[in-house]
Protein backbone atom coordinates (compact mmCIF):
# COMPACT_ATOMS: atom_id res chain seq x y z
CA MET A 1 122.57 54.91 64.13
CA ALA A 2 126.04 55.61 64.08
CA ASP A 3 129.83 55.37 63.05
CA ILE A 4 132.19 54.28 65.75
CA TYR A 5 136.21 54.02 65.32
CA VAL A 6 138.39 51.75 67.22
CA ASP A 7 142.18 51.79 66.61
CA SER A 8 145.11 51.45 69.42
CA VAL A 9 147.42 52.54 66.92
CA GLY A 10 146.53 56.05 65.47
CA GLY A 11 143.19 56.79 67.80
CA SER A 12 143.45 59.44 70.37
CA ASN A 13 140.68 58.27 72.37
CA THR A 14 138.43 60.49 72.12
CA SER A 15 134.39 60.31 72.74
CA PRO A 16 132.34 60.18 70.46
CA TYR A 17 134.97 58.37 68.86
CA ASP A 18 133.30 59.38 65.31
CA THR A 19 136.17 59.65 63.02
CA TRP A 20 139.67 57.64 62.75
CA ALA A 21 141.70 60.41 64.51
CA LYS A 22 139.07 60.51 67.55
CA ALA A 23 138.96 56.31 67.54
CA ALA A 24 138.51 54.01 70.74
CA ILE A 25 141.81 52.38 72.09
CA LEU A 26 139.94 49.68 72.82
CA LEU A 27 136.68 47.88 70.99
CA ASP A 28 135.21 47.51 74.83
CA THR A 29 135.57 51.61 75.41
CA ALA A 30 134.06 52.18 72.60
CA LEU A 31 131.29 49.79 73.13
CA VAL A 32 129.83 52.16 76.34
CA ILE A 33 128.33 54.97 73.97
CA ASP A 34 127.04 51.88 70.76
CA VAL A 35 123.43 51.71 70.06
CA ALA A 36 121.40 49.52 68.04
CA GLY A 37 122.28 49.56 63.64
CA ASP A 38 125.90 51.00 65.22
CA THR A 39 129.13 49.86 63.09
CA VAL A 40 132.05 50.45 64.51
CA TYR A 41 135.27 49.75 62.64
CA VAL A 42 138.00 48.69 63.83
CA SER A 43 141.38 49.42 61.99
CA HIS A 44 142.86 45.94 60.69
CA LEU A 45 146.10 47.47 62.53
CA HIS A 46 144.47 47.94 65.76
CA ARG A 47 146.00 45.90 68.65
CA GLY A 48 143.53 46.00 71.85
CA THR A 49 145.53 44.96 75.03
CA ARG A 50 145.05 44.27 78.73
CA ALA A 51 146.03 41.66 81.30
CA THR A 52 142.80 41.54 82.93
CA GLY A 53 139.68 39.61 81.72
CA VAL A 54 137.22 41.85 79.39
CA THR A 55 133.18 42.37 78.83
CA PHE A 56 132.45 42.86 75.51
CA ALA A 57 128.47 44.18 76.31
CA PHE A 58 126.99 45.10 72.78
CA VAL A 59 123.60 46.43 73.01
CA SER A 60 120.88 43.06 72.74
CA ASP A 61 118.56 44.12 69.93
CA VAL A 62 117.63 42.47 66.88
CA ASN A 63 119.28 45.44 65.01
CA HIS A 64 122.39 44.23 65.89
CA VAL A 65 125.84 46.13 66.45
CA THR A 66 128.35 45.76 63.59
CA VAL A 67 132.00 44.73 64.36
CA ILE A 68 134.20 45.63 60.77
CA SER A 69 137.38 44.67 60.87
CA ALA A 70 139.21 47.50 57.71
CA ASP A 71 141.70 49.27 56.52
CA ALA A 72 142.11 53.09 58.05
CA THR A 73 143.66 54.51 54.97
CA THR A 74 140.64 54.01 53.09
CA GLY A 75 138.18 56.61 54.75
CA GLU A 76 135.53 56.98 56.74
CA PRO A 77 133.46 55.40 56.46
CA PRO A 78 136.28 52.69 55.21
CA SER A 79 136.21 51.62 51.49
CA THR A 80 138.56 48.51 52.52
CA TYR A 81 138.00 45.40 54.17
CA THR A 82 141.06 43.71 55.89
CA ARG A 83 141.07 41.32 58.14
CA GLY A 84 143.16 41.52 61.56
CA GLY A 85 141.69 43.96 63.88
CA ARG A 86 142.76 41.98 67.19
CA GLU A 87 141.22 42.20 70.88
CA THR A 88 143.66 40.77 73.94
CA THR A 89 143.67 39.56 77.16
CA THR A 90 147.30 38.75 78.18
CA GLY A 91 146.86 37.56 82.07
CA GLY A 92 144.42 35.81 84.44
CA GLY A 93 140.13 36.33 83.78
CA ASP A 94 137.94 35.72 80.90
CA LEU A 95 137.10 37.85 77.13
CA THR A 96 133.38 37.45 77.48
CA LEU A 97 131.15 38.81 75.06
CA THR A 98 127.62 39.74 75.58
CA GLY A 99 124.61 40.98 74.10
CA GLN A 100 123.62 40.78 69.76
CA VAL A 101 126.61 41.05 67.57
CA GLN A 102 128.14 40.66 63.98
CA THR A 103 132.00 40.64 63.25
CA TYR A 104 133.94 40.58 60.23
CA GLY A 105 137.63 39.85 60.28
CA MET A 106 138.19 40.09 64.24
CA ASP A 107 140.94 38.04 66.21
CA PHE A 108 139.57 37.62 69.99
CA VAL A 109 142.51 36.25 72.22
CA CYS A 110 142.25 34.79 75.57
CA GLY A 111 144.80 34.51 78.20
CA ASP A 112 141.80 32.06 80.46
CA SER A 113 138.40 31.59 78.98
CA LEU A 114 136.12 33.49 76.14
CA ARG A 115 133.01 33.38 77.40
CA THR A 116 129.36 34.23 75.87
CA GLY A 117 125.97 35.56 78.19
CA ASP A 118 122.82 34.15 77.97
CA ASN A 119 120.27 34.93 75.30
CA PHE A 120 123.33 35.54 72.69
CA TYR A 121 123.16 36.65 69.15
CA GLY A 122 126.98 36.08 67.62
CA TYR A 123 127.30 35.61 63.56
CA PHE A 124 131.04 35.47 62.94
CA ASN A 125 132.47 35.92 60.09
CA ASP A 126 136.12 35.24 58.42
CA THR A 127 136.19 35.67 62.60
CA THR A 128 139.35 34.04 65.30
CA PHE A 129 139.23 33.11 68.29
CA GLU A 130 142.30 31.53 70.57
CA LEU A 131 143.08 30.02 74.25
CA THR A 132 146.41 30.99 74.82
CA VAL A 133 146.79 29.17 78.66
CA ASN A 134 148.04 25.28 78.40
CA SER A 135 144.32 23.89 80.76
CA ALA A 136 142.35 21.95 80.54
CA SER A 137 140.19 23.66 82.96
CA ASP A 138 140.02 26.98 79.95
CA ALA A 139 137.47 26.86 76.77
CA PHE A 140 134.88 28.54 74.84
CA PHE A 141 131.97 28.79 77.30
CA MET A 142 128.70 29.37 75.11
CA GLY A 143 125.81 30.82 76.71
CA LYS A 144 123.10 29.11 77.67
CA ASP A 145 118.38 30.18 76.86
CA ASN A 146 118.67 30.26 73.24
CA SER A 147 121.94 31.45 72.59
CA CYS A 148 122.50 31.29 68.79
CA PHE A 149 126.45 31.37 67.15
CA ILE A 150 127.04 31.25 63.38
CA PHE A 151 130.24 31.03 62.25
CA GLU A 152 131.08 31.18 58.38
CA ASN A 153 133.38 32.23 55.50
CA GLY A 154 137.14 31.23 57.33
CA CYS A 155 136.25 31.41 60.89
CA THR A 156 139.08 29.17 62.87
CA PHE A 157 139.46 28.07 66.48
CA GLU A 158 143.15 27.89 67.92
CA VAL A 159 143.41 26.04 71.34
CA ALA A 160 146.95 25.63 73.30
CA ASN A 161 145.02 22.73 75.66
CA THR A 162 143.87 19.53 73.93
CA GLY A 163 141.24 19.69 76.59
CA GLN A 164 139.58 22.94 75.55
CA GLY A 165 136.72 22.79 73.49
CA TRP A 166 133.08 24.13 73.42
CA GLN A 167 131.01 24.04 76.05
CA LEU A 168 127.37 24.77 74.73
CA GLU A 169 125.81 25.40 78.61
CA ALA A 170 121.46 25.24 77.50
CA GLY A 171 119.52 25.72 74.62
CA GLY A 172 120.07 27.27 71.29
CA LEU A 173 121.64 26.83 68.13
CA LEU A 174 125.29 26.25 66.76
CA ARG A 175 126.21 26.89 63.14
CA LEU A 176 130.02 26.53 61.47
CA LYS A 177 129.81 26.79 58.05
CA ASP A 178 133.66 26.68 55.95
CA PHE A 179 135.28 26.73 59.33
CA SER A 180 138.49 25.43 60.29
CA ILE A 181 141.03 24.06 63.15
CA ALA A 182 143.74 26.36 63.53
CA GLY A 183 147.38 26.30 65.71
CA ALA A 184 149.66 23.33 66.27
CA THR A 185 147.58 21.61 69.27
CA LYS A 186 144.52 20.30 68.32
CA PRO A 187 141.60 19.93 70.74
CA THR A 188 140.33 16.19 71.95
CA ASN A 189 136.39 17.09 71.96
CA LEU A 190 134.90 20.40 69.97
CA ILE A 191 131.43 20.56 70.54
CA GLU A 192 130.56 19.63 74.37
CA ASN A 193 126.66 19.44 75.35
CA VAL A 194 127.55 20.19 78.66
CA SER A 195 123.56 20.77 79.30
CA THR A 196 120.31 18.20 79.81
CA ARG A 197 117.99 21.06 77.87
CA ALA A 198 117.78 21.39 73.18
CA MET A 199 120.42 22.32 71.54
CA SER A 200 120.45 22.13 67.53
CA VAL A 201 123.99 21.68 65.60
CA ILE A 202 125.01 22.60 61.83
CA ILE A 203 128.01 21.84 60.10
CA GLU A 204 128.90 22.39 56.98
CA ASP A 205 131.96 23.04 54.39
CA SER A 206 134.51 22.56 57.01
CA ASP A 207 137.68 21.30 57.69
CA PHE A 208 138.54 18.88 60.47
CA SER A 209 141.81 16.53 58.91
CA ALA A 210 143.73 18.34 61.16
CA MET A 211 142.30 16.80 64.61
CA SER A 212 144.36 13.64 64.77
CA ASN A 213 144.05 13.19 68.52
CA ALA A 214 143.56 9.22 69.07
CA SER A 215 139.26 9.15 69.74
CA SER A 216 138.62 12.60 68.99
CA ARG A 217 135.15 13.68 68.95
CA LEU A 218 133.68 15.89 67.16
CA ILE A 219 130.89 16.46 69.25
CA SER A 220 130.61 15.22 72.63
CA LEU A 221 126.78 14.23 74.43
CA PRO A 222 126.05 14.51 78.28
CA SER A 223 125.18 11.56 80.11
CA GLY A 224 120.82 12.25 80.03
CA MET A 225 118.82 15.23 78.80
CA SER A 226 115.60 16.52 80.68
CA ASP A 227 113.61 19.61 80.07
CA GLY A 228 111.96 18.12 77.23
CA GLY A 229 115.65 18.58 76.42
CA GLY A 230 118.02 16.32 73.74
CA MET A 231 119.78 17.12 70.41
CA TYR A 232 119.58 17.54 66.49
CA ALA A 233 123.03 17.13 64.84
CA ARG A 234 123.69 17.87 60.90
CA VAL A 235 127.19 17.51 59.82
CA SER A 236 127.26 17.53 55.76
CA ASN A 237 130.33 17.84 53.48
CA CYS A 238 133.17 18.16 55.84
CA LYS A 239 136.07 16.31 55.62
CA LEU A 240 137.66 14.61 58.96
CA ASN A 241 140.75 12.95 60.27
CA ALA A 242 140.43 9.37 60.25
CA ASN A 243 140.65 9.65 64.04
CA LEU A 244 138.09 11.48 64.67
CA SER A 245 134.38 10.63 64.51
CA ILE A 246 131.08 12.69 64.58
CA ILE A 247 130.57 11.07 68.10
CA THR A 248 130.78 8.14 69.43
CA GLN A 249 128.50 7.44 73.04
CA THR A 250 124.60 5.46 72.82
CA ILE A 251 122.23 8.36 72.42
CA ALA A 252 120.44 7.57 75.49
CA ASP A 253 117.24 9.98 74.85
CA ALA A 254 114.01 9.49 72.36
CA ALA A 255 114.65 14.10 71.58
CA THR A 256 118.64 12.91 70.12
CA ARG A 257 119.46 12.81 66.85
CA ILE A 258 122.69 13.21 65.22
CA GLU A 259 123.21 13.24 60.82
CA ALA A 260 126.20 13.40 58.64
CA PHE A 261 125.98 13.30 54.78
CA ASN A 262 129.37 13.17 52.89
CA ILE A 263 131.93 12.62 55.67
CA ASP A 264 135.38 11.47 55.46
CA SER A 265 138.87 11.58 55.77
CA GLY A 266 138.94 11.16 52.63
CA ASP A 267 137.68 12.97 49.02
CA THR A 268 134.75 10.28 49.05
CA ILE A 269 131.29 10.59 48.49
CA ASN A 270 128.15 9.10 49.52
CA LYS A 271 129.78 8.39 52.95
CA PHE A 272 127.21 9.61 55.96
CA ALA A 273 125.50 8.28 59.57
CA VAL A 274 122.18 8.86 61.45
CA ASP A 275 122.44 7.68 64.45
CA ASP A 276 118.94 8.08 67.17
CA LEU A 277 117.64 6.47 70.10
CA TRP A 278 116.06 3.71 67.56
CA GLY A 279 119.45 2.32 65.14
CA LYS A 280 121.90 3.55 62.93
CA THR A 281 122.47 3.66 59.19
CA ILE A 282 125.35 3.57 57.25
CA GLU A 283 126.68 3.09 53.94
CA ASP A 284 128.14 -0.34 52.92
CA THR A 285 129.79 -0.99 49.84
CA SER A 286 129.95 -5.12 50.41
CA ASN A 287 126.27 -5.51 49.65
CA PHE A 288 124.54 -3.11 46.81
CA ARG A 289 121.85 -4.70 44.39
CA THR A 290 124.32 -4.97 40.99
CA ALA A 291 122.09 -3.41 38.26
CA THR A 292 122.21 0.37 40.26
CA TYR A 293 126.33 0.35 39.98
CA ASP A 294 128.25 -0.18 37.63
CA GLY A 295 130.92 -2.58 39.97
CA THR A 296 132.77 0.07 40.72
CA ASN A 297 131.05 2.75 43.91
CA GLY A 298 128.03 0.43 44.44
CA TYR A 299 127.36 0.78 48.06
CA SER A 300 123.61 -0.17 50.41
CA ALA A 301 122.18 2.46 52.77
CA LYS A 302 122.74 0.09 56.08
CA ILE A 303 120.59 0.03 58.37
CA VAL A 304 120.70 -1.73 62.02
CA THR A 305 118.75 -1.31 65.06
CA ASN A 306 118.88 -1.49 69.10
CA ALA A 307 116.16 -3.65 71.49
CA ASN A 308 115.31 -0.04 72.11
CA ALA A 309 112.98 -0.17 68.68
CA LYS A 310 109.40 -1.84 68.50
CA GLU A 311 107.55 -3.64 65.73
CA TYR A 312 104.61 -0.41 64.56
CA THR A 313 105.46 2.11 66.61
CA ARG A 314 109.20 3.04 67.26
CA PRO A 315 111.46 2.98 63.99
CA HIS A 316 114.76 3.86 62.77
CA ARG A 317 113.92 5.93 60.25
CA PHE A 318 116.28 7.37 57.19
CA LYS A 319 115.14 9.91 54.44
CA LEU A 320 116.57 7.16 51.35
CA CYS A 321 116.38 9.99 48.39
CA SER A 322 114.77 12.40 46.76
CA VAL A 323 113.05 11.79 43.46
CA TRP A 324 111.48 13.73 40.50
CA VAL A 325 108.85 11.80 40.31
CA GLU A 326 105.64 12.34 37.18
CA ILE A 327 102.26 11.92 37.47
CA ASP A 328 101.37 8.30 37.39
CA LYS A 329 104.25 6.33 38.70
CA THR A 330 104.72 3.66 41.22
CA ILE A 331 108.30 4.01 43.47
CA THR A 332 109.59 0.79 44.28
CA VAL A 333 112.48 -0.19 46.84
CA GLU A 334 114.67 -3.24 47.10
CA PHE A 335 116.47 -4.40 50.12
CA ILE A 336 117.99 -7.33 51.29
CA HIS A 337 118.66 -9.45 54.93
CA GLU A 338 119.87 -12.87 56.39
CA GLY A 339 116.01 -13.59 57.05
CA VAL A 340 115.89 -11.55 60.12
CA GLY A 341 112.43 -10.57 59.38
CA SER A 342 109.50 -13.37 61.43
CA GLY A 343 106.97 -13.91 58.45
CA THR A 344 107.43 -16.87 56.19
CA GLY A 345 111.42 -18.58 55.63
CA GLY A 346 112.54 -15.46 57.57
CA ASP A 347 110.46 -12.52 55.47
CA LEU A 348 110.23 -9.51 57.07
CA GLN A 349 106.86 -7.85 57.85
CA ASP A 350 105.02 -4.92 56.69
CA ASP A 351 104.98 -3.60 60.71
CA GLU A 352 108.95 -4.57 60.64
CA PHE A 353 109.87 -2.50 57.49
CA PHE A 354 108.13 0.01 55.60
CA ILE A 355 108.41 3.41 53.61
CA GLU A 356 106.77 6.51 53.18
CA ALA A 357 106.72 8.78 49.79
CA HIS A 358 105.90 12.57 50.93
CA TYR A 359 105.11 13.88 47.63
CA SER A 360 102.37 17.32 46.82
CA LYS A 361 98.89 15.76 46.04
CA LEU A 362 96.80 16.68 42.69
CA ALA A 363 94.39 19.16 44.83
CA ASP A 364 95.81 21.38 47.72
CA GLY A 365 99.08 20.34 46.96
CA ALA A 366 101.14 23.28 49.85
CA PHE A 367 99.51 20.49 52.27
CA GLY A 368 101.26 17.79 50.79
CA GLN A 369 100.60 13.98 51.80
CA VAL A 370 102.16 10.59 52.65
CA ALA A 371 101.65 7.95 51.58
CA THR A 372 102.95 4.59 53.73
CA THR A 373 103.19 0.65 53.03
CA LEU A 374 102.52 0.51 56.47
CA PRO A 375 99.53 -1.31 58.01
CA ALA A 376 96.35 0.65 58.27
CA THR A 377 96.18 0.49 62.31
CA VAL A 378 98.33 -0.79 64.93
CA LEU A 379 96.06 -3.76 65.31
CA THR A 380 96.05 -5.06 61.91
CA THR A 381 97.50 -8.22 61.71
CA PRO A 382 101.14 -8.14 59.82
CA ALA A 383 101.51 -9.58 56.60
CA ASP A 384 104.52 -10.78 54.57
CA ILE A 385 106.43 -8.52 52.52
CA ALA A 386 106.54 -8.88 48.68
CA ASN A 387 109.96 -11.22 47.88
CA SER A 388 111.94 -10.08 44.74
CA THR A 389 114.11 -11.28 42.35
CA GLU A 390 116.24 -8.44 41.82
CA ALA A 391 119.80 -10.00 42.03
CA TRP A 392 122.67 -8.05 44.52
CA THR A 393 126.50 -8.43 44.90
CA GLU A 394 126.73 -9.29 48.79
CA VAL A 395 128.34 -11.31 51.49
CA LEU A 396 125.50 -12.16 52.92
CA THR A 397 124.08 -15.53 54.77
CA GLY A 398 120.75 -17.36 53.88
CA GLU A 399 120.01 -13.74 52.32
CA ILE A 400 116.51 -13.08 51.37
CA LYS A 401 115.53 -9.79 49.14
CA GLN A 402 112.59 -8.13 48.81
CA LYS A 403 110.69 -5.08 47.80
CA LEU A 404 107.85 -2.26 49.12
CA SER A 405 106.24 -0.21 46.38
CA ILE A 406 103.94 3.04 46.61
CA ASP A 407 101.22 3.13 43.76
CA LEU A 408 100.97 7.43 43.05
CA THR A 409 98.86 6.74 40.67
CA GLY A 410 96.05 9.62 40.56
CA LEU A 411 97.51 11.43 43.62
CA ASN A 412 100.53 12.92 42.61
CA GLN A 413 101.28 16.41 41.44
CA LYS A 414 104.43 15.80 38.78
CA GLY A 415 107.19 16.79 41.53
CA THR A 416 109.41 15.75 43.98
CA VAL A 417 109.64 13.35 46.23
CA ASP A 418 110.78 11.76 49.66
CA ILE A 419 110.85 8.56 50.33
CA TRP A 420 111.68 7.84 53.62
CA VAL A 421 112.11 3.95 55.03
CA TYR A 422 111.68 2.50 58.36
CA LEU A 423 112.63 -0.98 59.94
CA CYS A 424 111.07 -1.25 63.08
CA LYS A 425 112.05 -5.29 64.48
CA PRO A 426 114.40 -4.16 67.35
CA SER A 427 118.38 -5.48 67.11
CA VAL A 428 117.86 -7.06 63.37
CA THR A 429 120.40 -5.07 60.08
CA VAL A 430 118.51 -4.42 56.53
CA TYR A 431 120.44 -3.23 53.54
CA VAL A 432 118.55 -1.08 50.78
CA ASP A 433 119.27 0.15 47.14
CA PRO A 434 119.18 4.04 47.97
CA HIS A 435 117.72 3.51 44.10
CA VAL A 436 114.65 3.24 44.20
CA ASP A 437 112.85 2.19 40.83
CA LEU A 438 109.71 4.40 39.05
CA THR A 439 107.57 2.82 36.31
């Protein structure tokens, strides 16, 4: 493993580029000799510029090459991290990254499209990517075949045309944390999954409030999925513009699930949305259990199924909460609806709505245990769920209040219990109190 230096200002472009004085004047020149585990130091004043396309061919090895922008006046290796080292294409031709790499404090500016190779791994920290050409056909094309992209700690993306976004071609992972959109022009759709294969997207603690174009989407889904594909996306603790939706399309495959928590155009917490093939859960502030709240911030989980749901077998599911449970407790979940069930007087039955408690059991606790209110088998005759007398603040017509309980007496260790709710009856709406009762 060696240290390699890049500096267009003070370097003499002398191989093996092992001092600032001998530094390569272009990053791609330095990469001709890099091997797994090398560290490439780039002067923060470096400006590597070419009129044609360029490929930065990093070594494909789990011992990634690391590229760091630094102050060239602070020694070899440098002691001061200073962001700003830049590589640019000014004319036609793509800027492409291949192999496996970690970058810190770099800028990549492209006059055509940005691309990565297939089977690519990139960890980008405090790194910017910018498209300067005003053409909707140019974008950031992300490679396929289990590629992995991680953007953290102040990474930004800047475009010159509202039609430019990230094209996820097939498979792998995309993770954004402390990420934002820069520049005067904003993309209408940021993440476009143009493949029909599996992809995971994790977005945390990022600011998308600048994406103000009408009908903007954070994630745009393809028309269909195949090859065992689908997308799992989780968006949490992010600020969105009021014009920006997570998705707007109807999910059409069982392998796709979009989850969003604490996302808002303002500073409101308890904002969530979960979408899958069978329905959607969102927060609702018009219907909530009165005793749970102080009268100013009440909310419930509004669960809405579609025609794809089916009793017992095809539920829309939502993780209601995690609670600390002492040994020998009973967990009760309260809910309300407008008489949408198949039971007596419109009661929901236990094959139409059920809950699960996931917990550590007394013996073999590492394996865990699931307790459920679902009938024993798919052929068991369903029964009406118990009615409740709890008071709700609500605007419903013909409301019915019900409750489900799970008794963990003699079963669980002291610890955290995850509570999941499942609505199976198609095309109905149920409001669930996220505050469970422990007795």
